[in-house]
Amino acid sequence: MKKPTLISCLLVAALLSGLAYLSDIIIDSTMVGSASGVVVLLASVYCFLLMWHFKAKSGRAVMGVLLITAPVIVLIFSLNIIIVAVGAVGTIWVCRSLLGYKGVVPALIDGALCGGSLLIAAVCSVQSDSLTMGIWVFLLAQCLFVYIPAHIGKKSSATKAEVGGTEERFNKAYNTAQSAVERLLTEEV
């Protein structure tokens, strides 16, 4: 599956940051909810968008349960924003690693990107005293994941002759196995 483009990632970052800003206004004016709830909501929406883009068939039920239970857990246990942010970033990393990468090395690079994004966002959020600014910086840094290749390593440069040779060897092995099975069946009878 093709990765999202940088432009589409920037658009998602702008939309989710706008949602974070509106949520921040609602929290400040009504004192209902918490910053942790906003972080969980944004992470869940971001993961749903990833699943939609990568056309994931499996995992939608799990993400649906996460979308419902995570905010409830945050509200019941009044979890610290740091714990919630690390969990949300971990969820984003796992979702992207499972959907978009074909190896361990790209997933580890993405993990470093997620960790670095969280660190930069935390510093920005503390310096500006604004959760929305931290979320915006985090989402902008996350847009860089489009530059991580899906697979790192030797490319398979099989020529038609090699493919033909492989097919020929497979057919020979198949025929040998088939004749062995037939011999076993005829000997027992």
N, C-alpha and C. Protein backbone atom coordinates (compact mmCIF):
# COMPACT_ATOMS: atom_id res chain seq x y z
N MET A 1 0.85 -1.19 0.00
CA MET A 1 0.00 0.00 0.00
C MET A 1 0.88 1.23 0.00
N LYS A 2 0.47 2.22 -0.75
CA LYS A 2 1.21 3.45 -0.88
C LYS A 2 1.08 4.29 0.39
N LYS A 3 2.21 4.88 0.79
CA LYS A 3 2.20 5.73 1.97
C LYS A 3 1.50 7.06 1.67
N PRO A 4 1.02 7.71 2.71
CA PRO A 4 0.43 9.03 2.50
C PRO A 4 1.50 10.02 2.03
N THR A 5 1.08 11.07 1.37
CA THR A 5 2.02 12.10 0.93
C THR A 5 2.25 13.09 2.07
N LEU A 6 3.30 13.88 1.92
CA LEU A 6 3.60 14.89 2.93
C LEU A 6 2.46 15.90 3.03
N ILE A 7 1.88 16.26 1.90
CA ILE A 7 0.77 17.23 1.90
C ILE A 7 -0.42 16.68 2.68
N SER A 8 -0.76 15.41 2.46
CA SER A 8 -1.90 14.85 3.20
C SER A 8 -1.60 14.76 4.69
N CYS A 9 -0.34 14.48 5.04
CA CYS A 9 0.03 14.45 6.46
C CYS A 9 -0.07 15.84 7.09
N LEU A 10 0.36 16.85 6.35
CA LEU A 10 0.26 18.21 6.86
C LEU A 10 -1.20 18.63 7.04
N LEU A 11 -2.05 18.18 6.13
CA LEU A 11 -3.48 18.47 6.24
C LEU A 11 -4.07 17.80 7.48
N VAL A 12 -3.71 16.55 7.71
CA VAL A 12 -4.18 15.84 8.91
C VAL A 12 -3.65 16.53 10.16
N ALA A 13 -2.40 16.97 10.14
CA ALA A 13 -1.82 17.67 11.29
C ALA A 13 -2.59 18.96 11.58
N ALA A 14 -2.93 19.69 10.52
CA ALA A 14 -3.69 20.93 10.71
C ALA A 14 -5.08 20.66 11.28
N LEU A 15 -5.75 19.63 10.73
CA LEU A 15 -7.10 19.32 11.21
C LEU A 15 -7.10 18.82 12.66
N LEU A 16 -6.17 17.94 12.99
CA LEU A 16 -6.11 17.44 14.36
C LEU A 16 -5.67 18.52 15.34
N SER A 17 -4.80 19.42 14.90
CA SER A 17 -4.41 20.53 15.77
C SER A 17 -5.58 21.48 16.00
N GLY A 18 -6.39 21.68 14.96
CA GLY A 18 -7.61 22.48 15.13
C GLY A 18 -8.56 21.82 16.11
N LEU A 19 -8.69 20.50 16.01
CA LEU A 19 -9.52 19.76 16.97
C LEU A 19 -8.96 19.88 18.38
N ALA A 20 -7.63 19.83 18.50
CA ALA A 20 -7.00 19.99 19.82
C ALA A 20 -7.27 21.39 20.37
N TYR A 21 -7.20 22.40 19.52
CA TYR A 21 -7.46 23.77 19.95
C TYR A 21 -8.90 23.93 20.43
N LEU A 22 -9.85 23.39 19.65
CA LEU A 22 -11.26 23.47 20.07
C LEU A 22 -11.49 22.71 21.37
N SER A 23 -10.87 21.54 21.49
CA SER A 23 -11.01 20.76 22.72
C SER A 23 -10.42 21.51 23.90
N ASP A 24 -9.30 22.19 23.68
CA ASP A 24 -8.67 22.97 24.73
C ASP A 24 -9.57 24.11 25.18
N ILE A 25 -10.25 24.76 24.22
CA ILE A 25 -11.19 25.84 24.56
C ILE A 25 -12.36 25.28 25.37
N ILE A 26 -12.89 24.14 24.95
CA ILE A 26 -14.02 23.52 25.66
C ILE A 26 -13.61 23.13 27.08
N ILE A 27 -12.43 22.56 27.22
CA ILE A 27 -11.95 22.16 28.55
C ILE A 27 -11.79 23.38 29.44
N ASP A 28 -11.18 24.45 28.90
CA ASP A 28 -10.97 25.67 29.70
C ASP A 28 -12.28 26.33 30.09
N SER A 29 -13.28 26.33 29.19
CA SER A 29 -14.51 27.06 29.49
C SER A 29 -15.48 26.26 30.35
N THR A 30 -15.47 24.95 30.23
CA THR A 30 -16.46 24.16 30.97
C THR A 30 -15.85 23.37 32.13
N MET A 31 -14.54 23.24 32.15
CA MET A 31 -13.84 22.45 33.17
C MET A 31 -14.30 20.99 33.15
N VAL A 32 -14.81 20.53 32.00
CA VAL A 32 -15.21 19.14 31.83
C VAL A 32 -14.14 18.47 30.99
N GLY A 33 -13.65 17.34 31.43
CA GLY A 33 -12.62 16.63 30.70
C GLY A 33 -11.25 16.99 31.19
N SER A 34 -10.26 16.54 30.46
CA SER A 34 -8.89 16.82 30.86
C SER A 34 -8.01 16.82 29.63
N ALA A 35 -6.79 17.28 29.81
CA ALA A 35 -5.83 17.28 28.72
C ALA A 35 -5.52 15.85 28.30
N SER A 36 -5.53 14.93 29.24
CA SER A 36 -5.27 13.53 28.92
C SER A 36 -6.33 12.98 27.98
N GLY A 37 -7.56 13.37 28.19
CA GLY A 37 -8.65 12.94 27.32
C GLY A 37 -8.47 13.45 25.90
N VAL A 38 -7.99 14.68 25.76
CA VAL A 38 -7.73 15.25 24.44
C VAL A 38 -6.64 14.45 23.73
N VAL A 39 -5.58 14.12 24.45
CA VAL A 39 -4.48 13.37 23.86
C VAL A 39 -4.95 11.99 23.40
N VAL A 40 -5.73 11.31 24.22
CA VAL A 40 -6.25 9.98 23.86
C VAL A 40 -7.17 10.08 22.65
N LEU A 41 -8.03 11.07 22.63
CA LEU A 41 -8.94 11.26 21.50
C LEU A 41 -8.17 11.49 20.21
N LEU A 42 -7.17 12.37 20.24
CA LEU A 42 -6.40 12.66 19.03
C LEU A 42 -5.60 11.45 18.56
N ALA A 43 -5.03 10.70 19.49
CA ALA A 43 -4.28 9.50 19.10
C ALA A 43 -5.21 8.47 18.46
N SER A 44 -6.40 8.31 19.00
CA SER A 44 -7.36 7.36 18.43
C SER A 44 -7.80 7.79 17.04
N VAL A 45 -8.09 9.06 16.87
CA VAL A 45 -8.50 9.57 15.55
C VAL A 45 -7.36 9.40 14.55
N TYR A 46 -6.13 9.68 14.97
CA TYR A 46 -4.97 9.54 14.10
C TYR A 46 -4.79 8.08 13.67
N CYS A 47 -4.95 7.15 14.61
CA CYS A 47 -4.83 5.72 14.27
C CYS A 47 -5.95 5.29 13.32
N PHE A 48 -7.15 5.78 13.53
CA PHE A 48 -8.25 5.46 12.61
C PHE A 48 -7.95 5.98 11.21
N LEU A 49 -7.38 7.19 11.12
CA LEU A 49 -7.03 7.74 9.82
C LEU A 49 -5.95 6.90 9.14
N LEU A 50 -4.98 6.43 9.92
CA LEU A 50 -3.95 5.54 9.36
C LEU A 50 -4.56 4.25 8.84
N MET A 51 -5.45 3.67 9.63
CA MET A 51 -6.09 2.42 9.22
C MET A 51 -6.93 2.63 7.97
N TRP A 52 -7.60 3.76 7.89
CA TRP A 52 -8.40 4.06 6.71
C TRP A 52 -7.51 4.23 5.49
N HIS A 53 -6.39 4.94 5.64
CA HIS A 53 -5.50 5.16 4.50
C HIS A 53 -4.87 3.86 4.03
N PHE A 54 -4.42 3.03 4.95
CA PHE A 54 -3.77 1.78 4.58
C PHE A 54 -4.78 0.68 4.27
N LYS A 55 -6.06 1.00 4.30
CA LYS A 55 -7.15 0.05 3.99
C LYS A 55 -7.07 -1.21 4.85
N ALA A 56 -6.82 -1.02 6.13
CA ALA A 56 -6.69 -2.17 7.05
C ALA A 56 -8.05 -2.80 7.29
N LYS A 57 -8.11 -4.10 7.09
CA LYS A 57 -9.34 -4.84 7.36
C LYS A 57 -9.36 -5.31 8.81
N SER A 58 -8.22 -5.81 9.26
CA SER A 58 -8.16 -6.30 10.64
C SER A 58 -7.71 -5.16 11.54
N GLY A 59 -8.09 -5.23 12.76
CA GLY A 59 -7.68 -4.22 13.72
C GLY A 59 -8.70 -3.13 13.96
N ARG A 60 -9.70 -3.03 13.12
CA ARG A 60 -10.69 -1.97 13.30
C ARG A 60 -11.50 -2.18 14.58
N ALA A 61 -11.81 -3.43 14.88
CA ALA A 61 -12.55 -3.71 16.11
C ALA A 61 -11.71 -3.37 17.33
N VAL A 62 -10.42 -3.71 17.27
CA VAL A 62 -9.54 -3.40 18.39
C VAL A 62 -9.43 -1.90 18.59
N MET A 63 -9.27 -1.17 17.49
CA MET A 63 -9.17 0.28 17.60
C MET A 63 -10.50 0.89 18.08
N GLY A 64 -11.61 0.29 17.68
CA GLY A 64 -12.90 0.76 18.16
C GLY A 64 -13.04 0.58 19.67
N VAL A 65 -12.61 -0.56 20.16
CA VAL A 65 -12.64 -0.80 21.60
C VAL A 65 -11.69 0.16 22.31
N LEU A 66 -10.51 0.40 21.71
CA LEU A 66 -9.56 1.34 22.30
C LEU A 66 -10.14 2.74 22.35
N LEU A 67 -10.83 3.14 21.28
CA LEU A 67 -11.43 4.47 21.23
C LEU A 67 -12.46 4.65 22.34
N ILE A 68 -13.16 3.58 22.66
CA ILE A 68 -14.19 3.67 23.70
C ILE A 68 -13.59 3.54 25.10
N THR A 69 -12.68 2.59 25.27
CA THR A 69 -12.18 2.32 26.62
C THR A 69 -11.08 3.26 27.09
N ALA A 70 -10.23 3.72 26.19
CA ALA A 70 -9.11 4.57 26.61
C ALA A 70 -9.56 5.86 27.30
N PRO A 71 -10.51 6.62 26.73
CA PRO A 71 -10.94 7.81 27.46
C PRO A 71 -11.60 7.48 28.80
N VAL A 72 -12.33 6.36 28.85
CA VAL A 72 -12.96 5.96 30.11
C VAL A 72 -11.91 5.64 31.16
N ILE A 73 -10.87 4.92 30.76
CA ILE A 73 -9.78 4.59 31.69
C ILE A 73 -9.09 5.86 32.17
N VAL A 74 -8.86 6.80 31.24
CA VAL A 74 -8.22 8.06 31.62
C VAL A 74 -9.07 8.83 32.62
N LEU A 75 -10.38 8.86 32.39
CA LEU A 75 -11.27 9.59 33.31
C LEU A 75 -11.40 8.89 34.66
N ILE A 76 -11.48 7.56 34.65
CA ILE A 76 -11.65 6.83 35.90
C ILE A 76 -10.40 6.93 36.77
N PHE A 77 -9.25 6.71 36.17
CA PHE A 77 -8.02 6.66 36.95
C PHE A 77 -7.28 7.98 37.02
N SER A 78 -7.77 8.99 36.34
CA SER A 78 -7.14 10.31 36.31
C SER A 78 -5.63 10.19 36.07
N LEU A 79 -5.30 9.54 34.98
CA LEU A 79 -3.90 9.29 34.67
C LEU A 79 -3.16 10.58 34.36
N ASN A 80 -1.89 10.57 34.69
CA ASN A 80 -1.01 11.69 34.43
C ASN A 80 -0.86 11.88 32.92
N ILE A 81 -0.76 13.12 32.49
CA ILE A 81 -0.65 13.43 31.06
C ILE A 81 0.59 12.78 30.45
N ILE A 82 1.66 12.63 31.22
CA ILE A 82 2.89 12.03 30.69
C ILE A 82 2.65 10.56 30.36
N ILE A 83 2.00 9.84 31.25
CA ILE A 83 1.70 8.42 31.02
C ILE A 83 0.78 8.27 29.81
N VAL A 84 -0.21 9.12 29.74
CA VAL A 84 -1.16 9.06 28.63
C VAL A 84 -0.46 9.39 27.30
N ALA A 85 0.40 10.40 27.29
CA ALA A 85 1.09 10.79 26.06
C ALA A 85 2.01 9.68 25.58
N VAL A 86 2.74 9.05 26.49
CA VAL A 86 3.63 7.95 26.10
C VAL A 86 2.80 6.78 25.55
N GLY A 87 1.69 6.47 26.19
CA GLY A 87 0.81 5.41 25.69
C GLY A 87 0.22 5.74 24.34
N ALA A 88 -0.18 6.98 24.14
CA ALA A 88 -0.76 7.39 22.86
C ALA A 88 0.29 7.32 21.74
N VAL A 89 1.48 7.78 22.02
CA VAL A 89 2.55 7.74 21.02
C VAL A 89 2.93 6.29 20.73
N GLY A 90 2.94 5.45 21.74
CA GLY A 90 3.20 4.03 21.53
C GLY A 90 2.15 3.38 20.65
N THR A 91 0.91 3.75 20.86
CA THR A 91 -0.18 3.22 20.03
C THR A 91 -0.02 3.66 18.57
N ILE A 92 0.33 4.91 18.36
CA ILE A 92 0.55 5.41 17.00
C ILE A 92 1.71 4.66 16.35
N TRP A 93 2.78 4.45 17.12
CA TRP A 93 3.95 3.75 16.58
C TRP A 93 3.61 2.31 16.20
N VAL A 94 2.90 1.62 17.07
CA VAL A 94 2.53 0.23 16.78
C VAL A 94 1.61 0.17 15.56
N CYS A 95 0.65 1.07 15.49
CA CYS A 95 -0.28 1.09 14.36
C CYS A 95 0.47 1.31 13.05
N ARG A 96 1.37 2.29 13.02
CA ARG A 96 2.13 2.56 11.79
C ARG A 96 3.10 1.43 11.46
N SER A 97 3.72 0.86 12.48
CA SER A 97 4.68 -0.22 12.25
C SER A 97 4.01 -1.45 11.66
N LEU A 98 2.84 -1.78 12.16
CA LEU A 98 2.14 -2.96 11.66
C LEU A 98 1.54 -2.73 10.28
N LEU A 99 1.11 -1.52 10.01
CA LEU A 99 0.43 -1.25 8.75
C LEU A 99 1.37 -0.86 7.61
N GLY A 100 2.45 -0.17 7.92
CA GLY A 100 3.22 0.45 6.86
C GLY A 100 4.61 -0.06 6.60
N TYR A 101 5.16 -0.91 7.48
CA TYR A 101 6.56 -1.31 7.30
C TYR A 101 6.67 -2.82 7.12
N LYS A 102 7.68 -3.22 6.35
CA LYS A 102 7.89 -4.64 6.08
C LYS A 102 9.13 -5.17 6.76
N GLY A 103 9.65 -4.45 7.72
CA GLY A 103 10.85 -4.89 8.40
C GLY A 103 10.99 -4.23 9.76
N VAL A 104 11.97 -4.71 10.49
CA VAL A 104 12.20 -4.20 11.85
C VAL A 104 12.91 -2.85 11.82
N VAL A 105 13.86 -2.69 10.90
CA VAL A 105 14.65 -1.45 10.86
C VAL A 105 13.77 -0.23 10.60
N PRO A 106 12.88 -0.24 9.61
CA PRO A 106 12.01 0.93 9.43
C PRO A 106 11.12 1.19 10.65
N ALA A 107 10.65 0.12 11.29
CA ALA A 107 9.81 0.29 12.48
C ALA A 107 10.60 0.92 13.62
N LEU A 108 11.87 0.54 13.76
CA LEU A 108 12.72 1.14 14.79
C LEU A 108 13.02 2.60 14.49
N ILE A 109 13.23 2.91 13.21
CA ILE A 109 13.43 4.31 12.83
C ILE A 109 12.18 5.12 13.14
N ASP A 110 11.01 4.54 12.87
CA ASP A 110 9.76 5.22 13.18
C ASP A 110 9.60 5.37 14.69
N GLY A 111 10.03 4.38 15.45
CA GLY A 111 9.99 4.50 16.91
C GLY A 111 10.86 5.65 17.41
N ALA A 112 12.03 5.81 16.80
CA ALA A 112 12.90 6.94 17.15
C ALA A 112 12.25 8.26 16.78
N LEU A 113 11.58 8.28 15.62
CA LEU A 113 10.85 9.49 15.21
C LEU A 113 9.75 9.82 16.21
N CYS A 114 9.00 8.80 16.64
CA CYS A 114 7.92 9.02 17.61
C CYS A 114 8.47 9.53 18.94
N GLY A 115 9.54 8.90 19.42
CA GLY A 115 10.13 9.34 20.68
C GLY A 115 10.68 10.75 20.60
N GLY A 116 11.38 11.05 19.49
CA GLY A 116 11.90 12.40 19.31
C GLY A 116 10.80 13.44 19.18
N SER A 117 9.74 13.08 18.48
CA SER A 117 8.59 13.98 18.33
C SER A 117 7.95 14.28 19.68
N LEU A 118 7.83 13.24 20.50
CA LEU A 118 7.24 13.43 21.83
C LEU A 118 8.12 14.33 22.69
N LEU A 119 9.42 14.12 22.63
CA LEU A 119 10.35 14.94 23.41
C LEU A 119 10.29 16.41 22.97
N ILE A 120 10.33 16.64 21.67
CA ILE A 120 10.27 18.01 21.16
C ILE A 120 8.93 18.65 21.50
N ALA A 121 7.85 17.90 21.38
CA ALA A 121 6.53 18.43 21.70
C ALA A 121 6.40 18.77 23.17
N ALA A 122 6.99 17.94 24.03
CA ALA A 122 6.93 18.21 25.47
C ALA A 122 7.70 19.50 25.80
N VAL A 123 8.87 19.66 25.23
CA VAL A 123 9.64 20.88 25.47
C VAL A 123 8.89 22.10 24.97
N CYS A 124 8.31 21.99 23.78
CA CYS A 124 7.56 23.11 23.21
C CYS A 124 6.33 23.44 24.04
N SER A 125 5.65 22.39 24.51
CA SER A 125 4.45 22.59 25.31
C SER A 125 4.77 23.26 26.64
N VAL A 126 5.87 22.86 27.26
CA VAL A 126 6.27 23.46 28.54
C VAL A 126 6.72 24.90 28.33
N GLN A 127 7.51 25.15 27.28
CA GLN A 127 8.02 26.50 27.03
C GLN A 127 6.91 27.48 26.67
N SER A 128 5.93 27.02 25.90
CA SER A 128 4.85 27.91 25.48
C SER A 128 3.66 27.88 26.43
N ASP A 129 3.66 26.93 27.37
CA ASP A 129 2.57 26.74 28.32
C ASP A 129 1.24 26.50 27.58
N SER A 130 1.34 25.72 26.48
CA SER A 130 0.17 25.44 25.67
C SER A 130 0.21 24.00 25.18
N LEU A 131 -0.78 23.22 25.56
CA LEU A 131 -0.89 21.84 25.09
C LEU A 131 -1.13 21.81 23.58
N THR A 132 -1.91 22.75 23.09
CA THR A 132 -2.21 22.80 21.66
C THR A 132 -0.94 23.01 20.84
N MET A 133 -0.04 23.86 21.31
CA MET A 133 1.22 24.09 20.60
C MET A 133 2.07 22.83 20.59
N GLY A 134 2.10 22.11 21.71
CA GLY A 134 2.84 20.85 21.78
C GLY A 134 2.26 19.82 20.82
N ILE A 135 0.95 19.74 20.75
CA ILE A 135 0.30 18.80 19.83
C ILE A 135 0.61 19.17 18.38
N TRP A 136 0.57 20.44 18.08
CA TRP A 136 0.87 20.90 16.72
C TRP A 136 2.30 20.52 16.32
N VAL A 137 3.26 20.77 17.22
CA VAL A 137 4.66 20.43 16.94
C VAL A 137 4.81 18.91 16.79
N PHE A 138 4.15 18.15 17.65
CA PHE A 138 4.22 16.69 17.56
C PHE A 138 3.71 16.21 16.21
N LEU A 139 2.55 16.72 15.80
CA LEU A 139 1.96 16.28 14.54
C LEU A 139 2.80 16.70 13.33
N LEU A 140 3.41 17.89 13.40
CA LEU A 140 4.28 18.30 12.30
C LEU A 140 5.50 17.38 12.20
N ALA A 141 6.08 17.03 13.34
CA ALA A 141 7.23 16.12 13.33
C ALA A 141 6.82 14.73 12.83
N GLN A 142 5.61 14.32 13.14
CA GLN A 142 5.13 13.01 12.69
C GLN A 142 4.96 12.94 11.18
N CYS A 143 4.80 14.08 10.54
CA CYS A 143 4.68 14.09 9.07
C CYS A 143 5.93 13.55 8.40
N LEU A 144 7.04 13.53 9.11
CA LEU A 144 8.29 13.04 8.53
C LEU A 144 8.29 11.54 8.31
N PHE A 145 7.31 10.82 8.84
CA PHE A 145 7.30 9.37 8.68
C PHE A 145 7.13 8.97 7.21
N VAL A 146 6.63 9.88 6.37
CA VAL A 146 6.46 9.54 4.96
C VAL A 146 7.80 9.31 4.27
N TYR A 147 8.89 9.79 4.86
CA TYR A 147 10.21 9.61 4.27
C TYR A 147 10.92 8.35 4.74
N ILE A 148 10.31 7.59 5.65
CA ILE A 148 10.90 6.32 6.08
C ILE A 148 10.48 5.25 5.08
N PRO A 149 11.45 4.57 4.46
CA PRO A 149 11.07 3.55 3.48
C PRO A 149 10.39 2.36 4.16
N ALA A 150 9.52 1.69 3.42
CA ALA A 150 8.80 0.54 3.97
C ALA A 150 9.72 -0.64 4.21
N HIS A 151 10.80 -0.72 3.45
CA HIS A 151 11.73 -1.84 3.58
C HIS A 151 13.15 -1.32 3.39
N ILE A 152 14.05 -1.74 4.26
CA ILE A 152 15.46 -1.37 4.15
C ILE A 152 16.25 -2.66 4.04
N GLY A 153 17.11 -2.73 3.07
CA GLY A 153 17.93 -3.92 2.88
C GLY A 153 18.15 -4.16 1.41
N LYS A 154 18.67 -5.35 1.10
CA LYS A 154 18.93 -5.68 -0.29
C LYS A 154 17.62 -5.86 -1.04
N LYS A 155 17.56 -5.27 -2.19
CA LYS A 155 16.40 -5.45 -3.05
C LYS A 155 16.58 -6.75 -3.81
N SER A 156 15.51 -7.43 -4.02
CA SER A 156 15.55 -8.66 -4.80
C SER A 156 15.57 -8.28 -6.27
N SER A 157 16.70 -8.52 -6.91
CA SER A 157 16.83 -8.17 -8.32
C SER A 157 16.85 -9.45 -9.15
N ALA A 158 15.81 -10.23 -8.99
CA ALA A 158 15.72 -11.49 -9.71
C ALA A 158 15.40 -11.23 -11.17
N THR A 159 16.21 -11.83 -12.03
CA THR A 159 15.96 -11.69 -13.46
C THR A 159 14.97 -12.76 -13.89
N LYS A 160 14.52 -12.66 -15.14
CA LYS A 160 13.57 -13.65 -15.63
C LYS A 160 14.18 -15.04 -15.67
N ALA A 161 15.49 -15.10 -15.94
CA ALA A 161 16.15 -16.41 -15.97
C ALA A 161 16.17 -17.02 -14.57
N GLU A 162 16.45 -16.18 -13.54
CA GLU A 162 16.46 -16.68 -12.17
C GLU A 162 15.07 -17.12 -11.74
N VAL A 163 14.06 -16.34 -12.11
CA VAL A 163 12.69 -16.69 -11.76
C VAL A 163 12.30 -17.98 -12.46
N GLY A 164 12.67 -18.10 -13.74
CA GLY A 164 12.38 -19.33 -14.47
C GLY A 164 13.08 -20.51 -13.84
N GLY A 165 14.34 -20.34 -13.43
CA GLY A 165 15.07 -21.40 -12.75
C GLY A 165 14.43 -21.78 -11.45
N THR A 166 13.93 -20.82 -10.72
CA THR A 166 13.25 -21.09 -9.47
C THR A 166 11.97 -21.87 -9.72
N GLU A 167 11.25 -21.48 -10.75
CA GLU A 167 10.00 -22.16 -11.09
C GLU A 167 10.28 -23.60 -11.53
N GLU A 168 11.36 -23.77 -12.29
CA GLU A 168 11.73 -25.10 -12.74
C GLU A 168 12.11 -26.00 -11.56
N ARG A 169 12.88 -25.45 -10.61
CA ARG A 169 13.26 -26.23 -9.42
C ARG A 169 12.03 -26.58 -8.59
N PHE A 170 11.10 -25.64 -8.49
CA PHE A 170 9.88 -25.91 -7.73
C PHE A 170 9.10 -27.06 -8.38
N ASN A 171 8.93 -26.99 -9.68
CA ASN A 171 8.18 -28.04 -10.38
C ASN A 171 8.86 -29.40 -10.22
N LYS A 172 10.19 -29.42 -10.28
CA LYS A 172 10.92 -30.68 -10.10
C LYS A 172 10.70 -31.23 -8.69
N ALA A 173 10.79 -30.36 -7.68
CA ALA A 173 10.57 -30.79 -6.30
C ALA A 173 9.13 -31.25 -6.09
N TYR A 174 8.19 -30.56 -6.70
CA TYR A 174 6.79 -30.93 -6.59
C TYR A 174 6.55 -32.32 -7.20
N ASN A 175 7.07 -32.53 -8.38
CA ASN A 175 6.90 -33.83 -9.04
C ASN A 175 7.55 -34.96 -8.25
N THR A 176 8.72 -34.71 -7.68
CA THR A 176 9.40 -35.72 -6.86
C THR A 176 8.56 -36.06 -5.63
N ALA A 177 8.03 -35.02 -4.99
CA ALA A 177 7.20 -35.25 -3.81
C ALA A 177 5.92 -36.00 -4.18
N GLN A 178 5.35 -35.64 -5.30
CA GLN A 178 4.12 -36.29 -5.75
C GLN A 178 4.36 -37.77 -6.04
N SER A 179 5.46 -38.09 -6.68
CA SER A 179 5.75 -39.50 -6.97
C SER A 179 6.07 -40.27 -5.68
N ALA A 180 6.70 -39.62 -4.71
CA ALA A 180 6.98 -40.28 -3.43
C ALA A 180 5.69 -40.60 -2.69
N VAL A 181 4.75 -39.68 -2.71
CA VAL A 181 3.46 -39.91 -2.06
C VAL A 181 2.72 -41.05 -2.75
N GLU A 182 2.75 -41.07 -4.06
CA GLU A 182 2.09 -42.15 -4.80
C GLU A 182 2.71 -43.50 -4.50
N ARG A 183 4.04 -43.55 -4.38
CA ARG A 183 4.70 -44.81 -4.03
C ARG A 183 4.31 -45.27 -2.64
N LEU A 184 4.23 -44.35 -1.70
CA LEU A 184 3.83 -44.70 -0.33
C LEU A 184 2.41 -45.24 -0.29
N LEU A 185 1.52 -44.64 -1.05
CA LEU A 185 0.14 -45.07 -1.08
C LEU A 185 -0.03 -46.45 -1.74
N THR A 186 0.74 -46.72 -2.76
CA THR A 186 0.62 -48.00 -3.45
C THR A 186 1.29 -49.14 -2.66
N GLU A 187 2.31 -48.87 -1.89
CA GLU A 187 2.99 -49.89 -1.09
C GLU A 187 2.13 -50.34 0.08
N GLU A 188 1.36 -49.45 0.66
CA GLU A 188 0.53 -49.81 1.82
C GLU A 188 -0.66 -50.64 1.42
N VAL A 189 -1.18 -50.51 0.23
CA VAL A 189 -2.37 -51.21 -0.20
C VAL A 189 -2.07 -52.58 -0.60
